[in-house]
C-alpha atoms as a PDB file:
ATOM      1  CA  UNK A   1       9.178 -17.015  -5.417  1.00  0.00           C
ATOM      2  CA  UNK A   2       7.404 -17.578  -8.743  1.00  0.00           C
ATOM      3  CA  UNK A   3       6.344 -15.067 -11.345  1.00  0.00           C
ATOM      4  CA  UNK A   4       2.882 -16.405 -10.817  1.00  0.00           C
ATOM      5  CA  UNK A   5       2.846 -15.457  -7.034  1.00  0.00           C
ATOM      6  CA  UNK A   6       3.972 -11.790  -7.950  1.00  0.00           C
ATOM      7  CA  UNK A   7       1.234 -11.650 -10.662  1.00  0.00           C
ATOM      8  CA  UNK A   8      -1.368 -12.712  -8.064  1.00  0.00           C
ATOM      9  CA  UNK A   9      -0.126  -9.959  -5.831  1.00  0.00           C
ATOM     10  CA  UNK A  10      -0.271  -7.333  -8.549  1.00  0.00           C
ATOM     11  CA  UNK A  11      -3.829  -8.429  -9.629  1.00  0.00           C
ATOM     12  CA  UNK A  12      -4.980  -8.331  -5.954  1.00  0.00           C
ATOM     13  CA  UNK A  13      -3.640  -4.687  -5.533  1.00  0.00           C
ATOM     14  CA  UNK A  14      -5.652  -3.799  -8.674  1.00  0.00           C
ATOM     15  CA  UNK A  15      -8.693  -5.531  -7.245  1.00  0.00           C
ATOM     16  CA  UNK A  16      -8.346  -3.515  -4.074  1.00  0.00           C
ATOM     17  CA  UNK A  17      -8.390  -0.367  -5.855  1.00  0.00           C
ATOM     18  CA  UNK A  18     -11.074  -1.153  -8.299  1.00  0.00           C
ATOM     19  CA  UNK A  19     -13.479  -3.346  -6.147  1.00  0.00           C
ATOM     20  CA  UNK A  20     -12.662  -1.820  -2.758  1.00  0.00           C
ATOM     21  CA  UNK A  21     -12.244  -5.334  -1.438  1.00  0.00           C
ATOM     22  CA  UNK A  22      -8.982  -6.201   0.507  1.00  0.00           C
ATOM     23  CA  UNK A  23     -10.009  -9.737   1.287  1.00  0.00           C
ATOM     24  CA  UNK A  24      -8.129 -11.557  -1.705  1.00  0.00           C
ATOM     25  CA  UNK A  25      -5.036  -9.348  -1.106  1.00  0.00           C
ATOM     26  CA  UNK A  26      -4.923 -10.113   2.597  1.00  0.00           C
ATOM     27  CA  UNK A  27      -5.187 -13.775   1.909  1.00  0.00           C
ATOM     28  CA  UNK A  28      -1.782 -13.696   0.207  1.00  0.00           C
ATOM     29  CA  UNK A  29      -0.127 -12.737   3.546  1.00  0.00           C
ATOM     30  CA  UNK A  30       1.243 -15.408   5.848  1.00  0.00           C
ATOM     31  CA  UNK A  31       0.561 -15.520   9.609  1.00  0.00           C
ATOM     32  CA  UNK A  32       4.157 -14.284  10.346  1.00  0.00           C
ATOM     33  CA  UNK A  33       4.175 -11.587   7.801  1.00  0.00           C
ATOM     34  CA  UNK A  34       5.325  -8.164   8.336  1.00  0.00           C
ATOM     35  CA  UNK A  35       4.351  -4.913   6.704  1.00  0.00           C
ATOM     36  CA  UNK A  36       5.847  -1.378   6.844  1.00  0.00           C
ATOM     37  CA  UNK A  37       5.575   2.095   5.207  1.00  0.00           C
ATOM     38  CA  UNK A  38       6.345   5.748   6.023  1.00  0.00           C
ATOM     39  CA  UNK A  39       2.783   6.205   7.132  1.00  0.00           C
ATOM     40  CA  UNK A  40       3.230   3.759  10.019  1.00  0.00           C
ATOM     41  CA  UNK A  41       5.118   4.456  13.083  1.00  0.00           C
ATOM     42  CA  UNK A  42       5.340   0.623  13.896  1.00  0.00           C
ATOM     43  CA  UNK A  43       5.725  -2.597  12.022  1.00  0.00           C
ATOM     44  CA  UNK A  44       2.453  -4.319  11.228  1.00  0.00           C
ATOM     45  CA  UNK A  45       2.252  -8.135  11.768  1.00  0.00           C
ATOM     46  CA  UNK A  46       0.321 -11.102  10.342  1.00  0.00           C
ATOM     47  CA  UNK A  47      -2.926 -11.295   8.731  1.00  0.00           C
ATOM     48  CA  UNK A  48      -4.402  -8.621  11.022  1.00  0.00           C
ATOM     49  CA  UNK A  49      -1.560  -6.291  10.179  1.00  0.00           C
ATOM     50  CA  UNK A  50      -2.288  -6.838   6.547  1.00  0.00           C
ATOM     51  CA  UNK A  51      -5.942  -6.106   7.057  1.00  0.00           C
ATOM     52  CA  UNK A  52      -5.066  -2.920   8.880  1.00  0.00           C
ATOM     53  CA  UNK A  53      -2.478  -1.903   6.330  1.00  0.00           C
ATOM     54  CA  UNK A  54      -4.566  -2.287   3.194  1.00  0.00           C
ATOM     55  CA  UNK A  55      -7.704  -1.187   4.784  1.00  0.00           C
ATOM     56  CA  UNK A  56      -6.040   2.081   5.847  1.00  0.00           C
ATOM     57  CA  UNK A  57      -4.518   2.480   2.285  1.00  0.00           C
ATOM     58  CA  UNK A  58      -7.947   2.045   0.844  1.00  0.00           C
ATOM     59  CA  UNK A  59      -9.663   4.455   3.297  1.00  0.00           C
ATOM     60  CA  UNK A  60      -7.143   7.227   2.457  1.00  0.00           C
ATOM     61  CA  UNK A  61      -8.668   7.715  -1.029  1.00  0.00           C
ATOM     62  CA  UNK A  62     -11.999   8.432  -2.748  1.00  0.00           C
ATOM     63  CA  UNK A  63     -10.368   6.782  -5.730  1.00  0.00           C
ATOM     64  CA  UNK A  64      -6.961   5.509  -6.619  1.00  0.00           C
ATOM     65  CA  UNK A  65      -5.172   3.536  -9.466  1.00  0.00           C
ATOM     66  CA  UNK A  66      -1.704   2.257  -9.296  1.00  0.00           C
ATOM     67  CA  UNK A  67       0.454   1.237 -12.400  1.00  0.00           C
ATOM     68  CA  UNK A  68       3.474  -1.066 -11.938  1.00  0.00           C
ATOM     69  CA  UNK A  69       6.276   0.399 -14.084  1.00  0.00           C
ATOM     70  CA  UNK A  70       9.097  -1.964 -13.395  1.00  0.00           C
ATOM     71  CA  UNK A  71       9.742  -5.131 -11.584  1.00  0.00           C
ATOM     72  CA  UNK A  72      12.865  -7.099 -10.671  1.00  0.00           C
ATOM     73  CA  UNK A  73      12.933 -10.608  -9.145  1.00  0.00           C
ATOM     74  CA  UNK A  74      15.905 -11.493  -6.949  1.00  0.00           C
ATOM     75  CA  UNK A  75      15.398 -14.851  -5.096  1.00  0.00           C
ATOM     76  CA  UNK A  76      12.381 -14.712  -2.945  1.00  0.00           C
ATOM     77  CA  UNK A  77      12.007 -10.939  -3.221  1.00  0.00           C
ATOM     78  CA  UNK A  78      10.341  -8.834  -5.874  1.00  0.00           C
ATOM     79  CA  UNK A  79      11.161  -5.139  -6.342  1.00  0.00           C
ATOM     80  CA  UNK A  80       8.274  -3.164  -7.754  1.00  0.00           C
ATOM     81  CA  UNK A  81       8.348   0.411  -8.983  1.00  0.00           C
ATOM     82  CA  UNK A  82       4.906   2.041  -9.452  1.00  0.00           C
ATOM     83  CA  UNK A  83       3.069   5.229  -9.791  1.00  0.00           C
ATOM     84  CA  UNK A  84      -0.390   6.040  -8.347  1.00  0.00           C
ATOM     85  CA  UNK A  85      -2.886   8.558  -9.092  1.00  0.00           C
ATOM     86  CA  UNK A  86      -6.147   9.328  -7.239  1.00  0.00           C
ATOM     87  CA  UNK A  87      -8.131  11.596  -5.060  1.00  0.00           C
ATOM     88  CA  UNK A  88      -7.612  11.763  -1.327  1.00  0.00           C
ATOM     89  CA  UNK A  89     -10.640  11.853   1.132  1.00  0.00           C
ATOM     90  CA  UNK A  90     -10.174  15.594   1.302  1.00  0.00           C
ATOM     91  CA  UNK A  91     -10.993  15.860  -2.274  1.00  0.00           C
ATOM     92  CA  UNK A  92      -7.372  16.777  -3.290  1.00  0.00           C
ATOM     93  CA  UNK A  93      -5.988  15.010  -6.281  1.00  0.00           C
ATOM     94  CA  UNK A  94      -2.687  13.311  -5.726  1.00  0.00           C
ATOM     95  CA  UNK A  95      -0.161  11.605  -8.110  1.00  0.00           C
ATOM     96  CA  UNK A  96       2.993   9.848  -6.442  1.00  0.00           C
ATOM     97  CA  UNK A  97       5.580   7.286  -7.140  1.00  0.00           C
ATOM     98  CA  UNK A  98       7.260   4.632  -5.058  1.00  0.00           C
ATOM     99  CA  UNK A  99       9.069   1.299  -4.694  1.00  0.00           C
ATOM    100  CA  UNK A 100       7.699  -1.712  -2.820  1.00  0.00           C
ATOM    101  CA  UNK A 101       9.733  -4.812  -1.761  1.00  0.00           C
ATOM    102  CA  UNK A 102       7.653  -8.035  -1.510  1.00  0.00           C
ATOM    103  CA  UNK A 103       9.315 -11.078   0.046  1.00  0.00           C
ATOM    104  CA  UNK A 104       7.596 -14.445  -0.425  1.00  0.00           C
ATOM    105  CA  UNK A 105       7.788 -17.747   1.549  1.00  0.00           C
ATOM    106  CA  UNK A 106       6.515 -20.082  -1.052  1.00  0.00           C
ATOM    107  CA  UNK A 107       3.256 -18.569  -2.443  1.00  0.00           C
ATOM    108  CA  UNK A 108       2.508 -16.386   0.739  1.00  0.00           C
ATOM    109  CA  UNK A 109       3.895 -12.973   1.430  1.00  0.00           C
ATOM    110  CA  UNK A 110       6.408 -12.898   4.301  1.00  0.00           C
ATOM    111  CA  UNK A 111       7.393  -9.140   4.179  1.00  0.00           C
ATOM    112  CA  UNK A 112       5.900  -6.133   2.440  1.00  0.00           C
ATOM    113  CA  UNK A 113       7.538  -2.800   2.774  1.00  0.00           C
ATOM    114  CA  UNK A 114       6.922   0.227   0.556  1.00  0.00           C
ATOM    115  CA  UNK A 115       8.565   3.658   0.208  1.00  0.00           C
ATOM    116  CA  UNK A 116       6.918   6.553  -1.557  1.00  0.00           C
ATOM    117  CA  UNK A 117       6.913  10.260  -1.996  1.00  0.00           C
ATOM    118  CA  UNK A 118       5.283  11.167   1.216  1.00  0.00           C
ATOM    119  CA  UNK A 119       5.455  14.880   0.444  1.00  0.00           C
ATOM    120  CA  UNK A 120       2.366  14.302  -1.530  1.00  0.00           C
ATOM    121  CA  UNK A 121       0.549  13.518   1.472  1.00  0.00           C
ATOM    122  CA  UNK A 122       1.230  16.865   3.394  1.00  0.00           C
ATOM    123  CA  UNK A 123      -1.782  19.278   3.411  1.00  0.00           C
ATOM    124  CA  UNK A 124      -1.715  22.818   2.282  1.00  0.00           C
ATOM    125  CA  UNK A 125      -1.148  23.913   5.983  1.00  0.00           C
ATOM    126  CA  UNK A 126       2.003  21.704   5.961  1.00  0.00           C
ATOM    127  CA  UNK A 127       0.332  19.146   8.280  1.00  0.00           C
ATOM    128  CA  UNK A 128       1.368  15.571   7.603  1.00  0.00           C
ATOM    129  CA  UNK A 129      -1.554  13.288   6.673  1.00  0.00           C
ATOM    130  CA  UNK A 130      -0.766   9.887   7.962  1.00  0.00           C
ATOM    131  CA  UNK A 131      -2.696   6.844   9.203  1.00  0.00           C
ATOM    132  CA  UNK A 132      -2.175   8.123  12.764  1.00  0.00           C
ATOM    133  CA  UNK A 133      -4.011  11.521  11.880  1.00  0.00           C
ATOM    134  CA  UNK A 134      -6.688   9.836   9.991  1.00  0.00           C
ATOM    135  CA  UNK A 135      -5.741  11.335   6.686  1.00  0.00           C
ATOM    136  CA  UNK A 136      -7.509  14.412   7.742  1.00  0.00           C
ATOM    137  CA  UNK A 137      -6.768  17.919   6.610  1.00  0.00           C
ATOM    138  CA  UNK A 138      -5.769  20.830   8.765  1.00  0.00           C
ATOM    139  CA  UNK A 139      -9.206  21.832   9.843  1.00  0.00           C
ATOM    140  CA  UNK A 140      -9.840  18.355  11.260  1.00  0.00           C
ATOM    141  CA  UNK A 141     -12.339  17.381   8.551  1.00  0.00           C
ATOM    142  CA  UNK A 142     -12.365  14.597   6.170  1.00  0.00           C
END
């Protein structure tokens, strides 16, 4: 894995958040890639999985900005620490931190897994807001 491949990934995440366009980021994923996070009950696979993952991520927020605070390269895997600040679809502001592991096969992403403070995505009624619940609040609204 090259630093250039990692820099392309980070720039593509920034574009997703600023331009609301997942296309350039999705193109970085290989056909056999896997994606996972606490918001998903199952592993997502391939380009379609990347489209679903990043589309759901973007759809969870009115606005969001992530800042990469640390990175470590180990062979074909990058470890990224980050913090994000934004506004959920419910209008509630959210700030959270996490770590993502990005494994490359050449210049394509083979595996993406992210871990974050999921407590920030629990509504005031203590109902988890996940991809499966549509990121809705406790009264069923957006």
